[in-house]
C-alpha atoms as a PDB file:
ATOM      1  CA  MET A   1       0.035  -0.170   0.186  1.00  0.00           C
ATOM      2  CA  THR A   2       3.191   2.328   0.332  1.00  0.00           C
ATOM      3  CA  GLY A   3       4.141   1.478  -2.264  1.00  0.00           C
ATOM      4  CA  ALA A   4       1.021   2.787  -4.340  1.00  0.00           C
ATOM      5  CA  VAL A   5       0.513   6.221  -2.555  1.00  0.00           C
ATOM      6  CA  LEU A   6       3.974   6.795  -3.732  1.00  0.00           C
ATOM      7  CA  CYS A   7       3.084   6.031  -7.455  1.00  0.00           C
ATOM      8  CA  MET A   8      -0.147   8.044  -7.556  1.00  0.00           C
ATOM      9  CA  ALA A   9       1.751  10.899  -5.334  1.00  0.00           C
ATOM     10  CA  PHE A  10       4.765  10.715  -7.802  1.00  0.00           C
ATOM     11  CA  TYR A  11       2.072  10.435 -10.900  1.00  0.00           C
ATOM     12  CA  ASN A  12       0.307  13.921  -9.589  1.00  0.00           C
ATOM     13  CA  VAL A  13       3.229  15.555  -8.793  1.00  0.00           C
ATOM     14  CA  TRP A  14       5.229  14.913 -12.176  1.00  0.00           C
ATOM     15  CA  SER A  15       2.480  14.408 -15.009  1.00  0.00           C
ATOM     16  CA  ARG A  16       1.469  18.092 -15.104  1.00  0.00           C
ATOM     17  CA  PRO A  17       4.007  19.383 -17.641  1.00  0.00           C
ATOM     18  CA  PHE A  18       3.154  16.177 -20.033  1.00  0.00           C
ATOM     19  CA  ILE A  19      -1.078  17.137 -19.483  1.00  0.00           C
ATOM     20  CA  GLN A  20      -0.188  20.370 -20.873  1.00  0.00           C
ATOM     21  CA  ARG A  21       2.526  19.637 -23.516  1.00  0.00           C
ATOM     22  CA  SER A  22      -0.080  17.256 -25.323  1.00  0.00           C
ATOM     23  CA  SER A  23      -3.924  17.179 -23.201  1.00  0.00           C
ATOM     24  CA  ALA A  24      -5.264  15.432 -21.245  1.00  0.00           C
ATOM     25  CA  LEU A  25      -6.857  13.378 -23.088  1.00  0.00           C
ATOM     26  CA  GLY A  26      -3.856  12.732 -25.461  1.00  0.00           C
ATOM     27  CA  PHE A  27      -2.050  11.861 -21.728  1.00  0.00           C
ATOM     28  CA  LEU A  28      -4.519   9.509 -20.719  1.00  0.00           C
ATOM     29  CA  THR A  29      -5.145   7.594 -23.541  1.00  0.00           C
ATOM     30  CA  VAL A  30      -1.632   6.823 -23.878  1.00  0.00           C
ATOM     31  CA  GLY A  31      -1.236   5.908 -19.894  1.00  0.00           C
ATOM     32  CA  MET A  32      -4.234   3.887 -20.256  1.00  0.00           C
ATOM     33  CA  GLY A  33      -3.052   1.676 -23.443  1.00  0.00           C
ATOM     34  CA  ALA A  34       0.362   1.398 -21.373  1.00  0.00           C
ATOM     35  CA  GLY A  35      -1.439  -0.645 -18.755  1.00  0.00           C
ATOM     36  CA  ALA A  36      -3.467  -2.730 -20.652  1.00  0.00           C
ATOM     37  CA  ALA A  37      -0.581  -3.852 -22.454  1.00  0.00           C
ATOM     38  CA  ALA A  38       1.132  -4.286 -19.838  1.00  0.00           C
ATOM     39  CA  LEU A  39      -1.837  -6.194 -17.598  1.00  0.00           C
ATOM     40  CA  ILE A  40      -2.954  -8.165 -21.154  1.00  0.00           C
ATOM     41  CA  ALA A  41       1.147  -9.209 -21.258  1.00  0.00           C
ATOM     42  CA  VAL A  42       1.209 -10.483 -18.018  1.00  0.00           C
ATOM     43  CA  GLY A  43      -1.886 -12.505 -18.453  1.00  0.00           C
ATOM     44  CA  SER A  44      -0.833 -14.138 -21.668  1.00  0.00           C
ATOM     45  CA  LEU A  45       2.500 -14.968 -19.968  1.00  0.00           C
ATOM     46  CA  THR A  46       0.712 -16.618 -16.995  1.00  0.00           C
ATOM     47  CA  GLY A  47      -2.061 -17.925 -18.296  1.00  0.00           C
ATOM     48  CA  SER A  48      -4.394 -16.022 -16.415  1.00  0.00           C
ATOM     49  CA  ILE A  49      -6.175 -14.417 -19.252  1.00  0.00           C
ATOM     50  CA  ALA A  50      -7.398 -18.134 -20.505  1.00  0.00           C
ATOM     51  CA  VAL A  51     -10.571 -17.454 -17.589  1.00  0.00           C
ATOM     52  CA  LEU A  52     -11.899 -14.202 -19.941  1.00  0.00           C
ATOM     53  CA  GLY A  53     -13.419 -17.453 -21.572  1.00  0.00           C
ATOM     54  CA  SER A  54     -15.732 -18.631 -19.102  1.00  0.00           C
ATOM     55  CA  PHE A  55     -16.789 -15.038 -18.704  1.00  0.00           C
ATOM     56  CA  GLY A  56     -21.338 -14.794 -19.495  1.00  0.00           C
ATOM     57  CA  THR A  57     -22.889 -11.745 -19.743  1.00  0.00           C
ATOM     58  CA  PRO A  58     -23.350 -10.513 -16.376  1.00  0.00           C
ATOM     59  CA  GLN A  59     -19.503 -10.492 -15.792  1.00  0.00           C
ATOM     60  CA  TRP A  60     -18.437  -8.861 -19.647  1.00  0.00           C
ATOM     61  CA  ILE A  61     -21.260  -6.043 -18.096  1.00  0.00           C
ATOM     62  CA  ALA A  62     -19.512  -5.445 -15.330  1.00  0.00           C
ATOM     63  CA  GLY A  63     -16.123  -5.210 -16.446  1.00  0.00           C
ATOM     64  CA  ALA A  64     -16.881  -2.702 -19.359  1.00  0.00           C
ATOM     65  CA  TYR A  65     -18.473  -0.902 -16.370  1.00  0.00           C
ATOM     66  CA  LEU A  66     -15.560  -0.885 -14.423  1.00  0.00           C
ATOM     67  CA  GLY A  67     -13.209  -0.105 -17.290  1.00  0.00           C
ATOM     68  CA  VAL A  68     -15.896   2.875 -18.521  1.00  0.00           C
ATOM     69  CA  ALA A  69     -16.691   4.147 -15.471  1.00  0.00           C
ATOM     70  CA  GLY A  70     -13.812   2.930 -12.989  1.00  0.00           C
ATOM     71  CA  GLY A  71     -11.183   4.050 -14.915  1.00  0.00           C
ATOM     72  CA  ALA A  72     -11.767   5.493 -18.214  1.00  0.00           C
ATOM     73  CA  LEU A  73     -14.323   8.375 -16.819  1.00  0.00           C
ATOM     74  CA  ALA A  74     -12.335   8.476 -13.144  1.00  0.00           C
ATOM     75  CA  PHE A  75      -9.132   8.993 -14.610  1.00  0.00           C
ATOM     76  CA  ILE A  76     -10.234  11.659 -17.086  1.00  0.00           C
ATOM     77  CA  LEU A  77     -11.832  13.268 -14.174  1.00  0.00           C
ATOM     78  CA  TRP A  78      -8.618  13.321 -12.078  1.00  0.00           C
ATOM     79  CA  VAL A  79      -6.058  14.309 -15.125  1.00  0.00           C
ATOM     80  CA  LEU A  80      -8.612  17.141 -15.780  1.00  0.00           C
ATOM     81  CA  ALA A  81      -8.512  18.205 -12.033  1.00  0.00           C
ATOM     82  CA  LEU A  82      -4.926  17.929 -12.033  1.00  0.00           C
ATOM     83  CA  GLU A  83      -4.743  20.073 -15.210  1.00  0.00           C
ATOM     84  CA  ARG A  84      -6.193  22.631 -13.214  1.00  0.00           C
ATOM     85  CA  ALA A  85      -5.678  21.869  -9.748  1.00  0.00           C
ATOM     86  CA  THR A  86      -2.590  21.724  -7.485  1.00  0.00           C
ATOM     87  CA  PRO A  87      -1.582  18.192  -6.175  1.00  0.00           C
ATOM     88  CA  THR A  88      -2.413  18.216  -3.046  1.00  0.00           C
ATOM     89  CA  ARG A  89      -6.419  19.822  -3.759  1.00  0.00           C
ATOM     90  CA  VAL A  90      -6.944  16.674  -6.568  1.00  0.00           C
ATOM     91  CA  ALA A  91      -5.309  14.058  -4.077  1.00  0.00           C
ATOM     92  CA  ASN A  92      -7.501  15.137  -1.648  1.00  0.00           C
ATOM     93  CA  THR A  93     -10.566  14.456  -3.620  1.00  0.00           C
ATOM     94  CA  MET A  94      -9.398  10.489  -2.476  1.00  0.00           C
ATOM     95  CA  THR A  95     -10.547  11.227   0.877  1.00  0.00           C
ATOM     96  CA  VAL A  96     -13.601  10.832   0.150  1.00  0.00           C
ATOM     97  CA  ASN A  97     -14.199   7.275  -1.189  1.00  0.00           C
ATOM     98  CA  PRO A  98     -14.395   6.202   1.961  1.00  0.00           C
ATOM     99  CA  ILE A  99     -17.014   8.652   3.133  1.00  0.00           C
ATOM    100  CA  ALA A 100     -19.326   8.240  -0.028  1.00  0.00           C
ATOM    101  CA  ALA A 101     -19.115   4.232   0.503  1.00  0.00           C
ATOM    102  CA  ALA A 102     -19.637   4.427   4.522  1.00  0.00           C
ATOM    103  CA  LEU A 103     -23.380   7.020   3.583  1.00  0.00           C
ATOM    104  CA  LEU A 104     -23.505   4.413   0.541  1.00  0.00           C
ATOM    105  CA  ALA A 105     -23.226   0.798   2.285  1.00  0.00           C
ATOM    106  CA  ALA A 106     -25.439   2.511   4.932  1.00  0.00           C
ATOM    107  CA  GLN A 107     -28.528   3.276   2.785  1.00  0.00           C
ATOM    108  CA  LEU A 108     -27.778  -0.516   0.379  1.00  0.00           C
ATOM    109  CA  VAL A 109     -26.610  -2.798   3.241  1.00  0.00           C
ATOM    110  CA  GLY A 110     -28.378  -1.528   6.402  1.00  0.00           C
ATOM    111  CA  GLU A 111     -24.747  -0.918   7.860  1.00  0.00           C
ATOM    112  CA  PRO A 112     -24.200   0.338  10.475  1.00  0.00           C
ATOM    113  CA  ILE A 113     -23.387   4.268  11.539  1.00  0.00           C
ATOM    114  CA  THR A 114     -21.015   3.691  14.613  1.00  0.00           C
ATOM    115  CA  ALA A 115     -18.887   6.181  16.794  1.00  0.00           C
ATOM    116  CA  ASN A 116     -16.074   5.018  15.588  1.00  0.00           C
ATOM    117  CA  LEU A 117     -17.448   6.486  11.890  1.00  0.00           C
ATOM    118  CA  VAL A 118     -18.027   9.237  12.984  1.00  0.00           C
ATOM    119  CA  VAL A 119     -15.024  10.162  14.363  1.00  0.00           C
ATOM    120  CA  GLY A 120     -13.159   8.860  11.499  1.00  0.00           C
ATOM    121  CA  LEU A 121     -15.348  11.322   9.079  1.00  0.00           C
ATOM    122  CA  ALA A 122     -15.115  13.940  11.936  1.00  0.00           C
ATOM    123  CA  ALA A 123     -10.921  13.341  11.180  1.00  0.00           C
ATOM    124  CA  VAL A 124     -11.259  12.810   7.232  1.00  0.00           C
ATOM    125  CA  PHE A 125     -13.117  16.501   6.548  1.00  0.00           C
ATOM    126  CA  ALA A 126     -10.106  18.032   9.874  1.00  0.00           C
ATOM    127  CA  GLY A 127      -7.335  16.495   7.361  1.00  0.00           C
ATOM    128  CA  ILE A 128      -9.027  18.318   4.108  1.00  0.00           C
ATOM    129  CA  TRP A 129      -9.549  21.421   6.325  1.00  0.00           C
ATOM    130  CA  ILE A 130      -5.971  21.631   6.763  1.00  0.00           C
ATOM    131  CA  ALA A 131      -4.727  20.623   4.179  1.00  0.00           C
ATOM    132  CA  THR A 132      -6.873  22.993   1.658  1.00  0.00           C
ATOM    133  CA  THR A 133      -6.681  26.271   3.882  1.00  0.00           C
ATOM    134  CA  SER A 134      -3.523  28.061   3.756  1.00  0.00           C
ATOM    135  CA  ALA A 135      -1.791  30.767   6.402  1.00  0.00           C
ATOM    136  CA  LYS A 136      -1.953  33.869   6.532  1.00  0.00           C
ATOM    137  CA  PRO A 137       1.315  35.549   6.216  1.00  0.00           C
ATOM    138  CA  GLN A 138       1.957  37.329   9.601  1.00  0.00           C
ATOM    139  CA  PRO A 139       2.318  40.732   8.871  1.00  0.00           C
ATOM    140  CA  ILE A 140       6.323  41.898   9.794  1.00  0.00           C
ATOM    141  CA  VAL A 141       6.557  44.751  12.474  1.00  0.00           C
ATOM    142  CA  VAL A 142       9.943  46.496  12.070  1.00  0.00           C
ATOM    143  CA  LEU A 143      10.743  48.439  14.988  1.00  0.00           C
ATOM    144  CA  SER A 144      13.601  51.191  15.199  1.00  0.00           C
ATOM    145  CA  GLY A 145      16.647  51.852  17.299  1.00  0.00           C
ATOM    146  CA  ALA A 146      14.181  53.829  19.507  1.00  0.00           C
ATOM    147  CA  ASP A 147      11.475  51.043  20.571  1.00  0.00           C
ATOM    148  CA  LYS A 148      14.015  47.876  21.024  1.00  0.00           C
ATOM    149  CA  ARG A 149      14.695  48.526  24.796  1.00  0.00           C
END
C-alpha cells in the first residue's frame, strides 16, 4: 500500500508537464493504453487470460462498467483536475471515497453508522480542511532603534 501511495503521489506531481504538453485526453489514452498492454502481456504469460473464456454476459457487463466508469471516466476526471488544480487539492478528493462508501453502504445494505465511523469521518473532514486552507501571512513589524529596549 505504501508503494501505491508513493506511485500516486509521484504521478500527481510529475504528470502536470506532460498533461500540459499534450492534452489531458492524450495523456490519459497513452497511460491507460500502456497499462492495458502490460496487463494483457502478464495475463498471457501467466495463463490468467484464459479465464475470460468462461465469462458470461453479467461478467462482461461488470467488466465494461468497471473499465469505463471506474477506470476511464474516473481517470479523465482526475487528469482534468490535475490540469487545473494543485496536486494536493486533487489528492484530497481520495479521502472522500471512504465517506461515500460508508454512506452508500448504510443506505444499500444497512451498514450501521457507529461512533467510530462518525469520529473517522470527522477526522477526514478535519484533514481535508487542514490540507486545503492556507495560513495567512503574519505582518512583519520592523522596530526602530528607539523602540528596542
